[in-house]
Each structure stands twice: as structure tokens, then as C-alpha cells.
Amino acid sequence: MKGILGRKLGMTTIYKDGKAFGVTVVKAGPCTVVQKKTSEGGEYDAIQVGFEELTPERAKKILTKPLVKKFEAVKVKPHRVLKEFKVGNINDFNVGDIIEAGVFSEGEKVDVTGFSKGRGFSGAMKRWNFRGGEASHGSKFHRELGSVGNHTDPAKIWKGKKMPGQYGNEKKTVKNLTVVKVDAENGLIAIYGAVPGARGGLLVIKSANR
């Protein structure tokens, strides 16, 4: 399985073979291999990669001391983000290797994971797409939630009831998206369709698993 980390730049249109493709442009990599995990010590072979290199001074401010020591031990510059990817052959990678956007090719299928836009505390109609009440005169039920449970039995509100609350800012994965274009020189990947998150949001791009 191939994988890389990146930041969402935004959406645009690419014209290819006389067709228009709405794509999301991602600034992918470079990522540095920080650690190798083998099936001997765990359940699977995997590599841990770092994204967004930090200066030693900055690293001491925003990273924990154990993380700083970890980077020093493997003689790799500290990074802001760490992520693990399962791999087929662990011997294809070494600590310090660089993974760039060119790891993917045009036409390849990928799964993209990110955090959806946070919309704060929202009502039930916006959060759960409830219909609401009548908007006409005389109605006293417009955007309210409605009944949330019985009176005597069970005399409580069941867990998981759809109610107002935090909306968005959830981890979401969009599967089987197509890579339309790869600009390895500038570290850009154009992916057909929309992906979760706002501009500048962190994305995890992996080979599609089905």
C-alpha cells in the first residue's frame, strides 16, 4: 500500500481529452521515513513517516520531549505530523527515505482521509437534516426538535438520540477517487472530486483498498 500526507490547496478545473474535470489540488509531501515496524514485533509491516519539517527550536516548543528524542535517536529532522502506513515489503524502505508526490501516477485510485469543516454548535435541522414544522401563520412549531422520548416509560432520553450539538470537524474518508494529474516537480496531486476539509487542511492519501 502506498501513502503520503499533504495539505489541501483548493479546487479547480482541468481539461483533458476534451473533457472538464473538477479536481482538488493537494500539496503532497515530501514525507520522511522515521521508523520501520516489522511483523516480528507486531501484527504487520508498516512505516512511520513524518510530514512538515520543523527547526530544532520550533520542535522544542510544539513537540513533546519523547518525540524530540525519537527524532534525535534516528538522526532525522523533527516533523510536525507523524503517520503510519502499512506496506507490502518492508525492505523497500529505509529510515531517512523521502516519499514524494511522484509515488502516485495518473489514473490510480486512492482513498483520501481528512477532517470535515467544523460548523460549531448547530440545531437539529441543520445537523441532521430534519424537516421541521410548518412555516405558515398559526404554527408554533417551526425549527424545534420535537419529541425526544416517552414520559413514564422509559422516562429518559436514549443515548444516540439525534439532537442539537457539535456539527462537523469529524474524520471522514472518501474512497476510490481518481488521480487526474501528478506534478512531481512541484509536489502537486490533482484528485477528481471533492475531499474533506477546508483549504490548508491535513489530508492522508492512500492506495484504494478495494
Foldseek 3Di string as FASTA:
>chain_A
DDKWKWFWAAWDWDADPNDIFIWTKTQTDFKFFQDWDDCVVHNATKTKIAGAFDDPVVCVVPPDPVQSVSCVVSVHGDHDDIDMDGDDDSVVDDGGDIDFQVVDDFFFWKKKKFFADWDFWDFLCVQVVDPWDDPDPPDPTGRHDPDQDDPVVPNDGDPPGRGIGTHTRHMDMDGGWGFHDTDRVSRMTITGDDDHDDGGTMMMMGGGPD
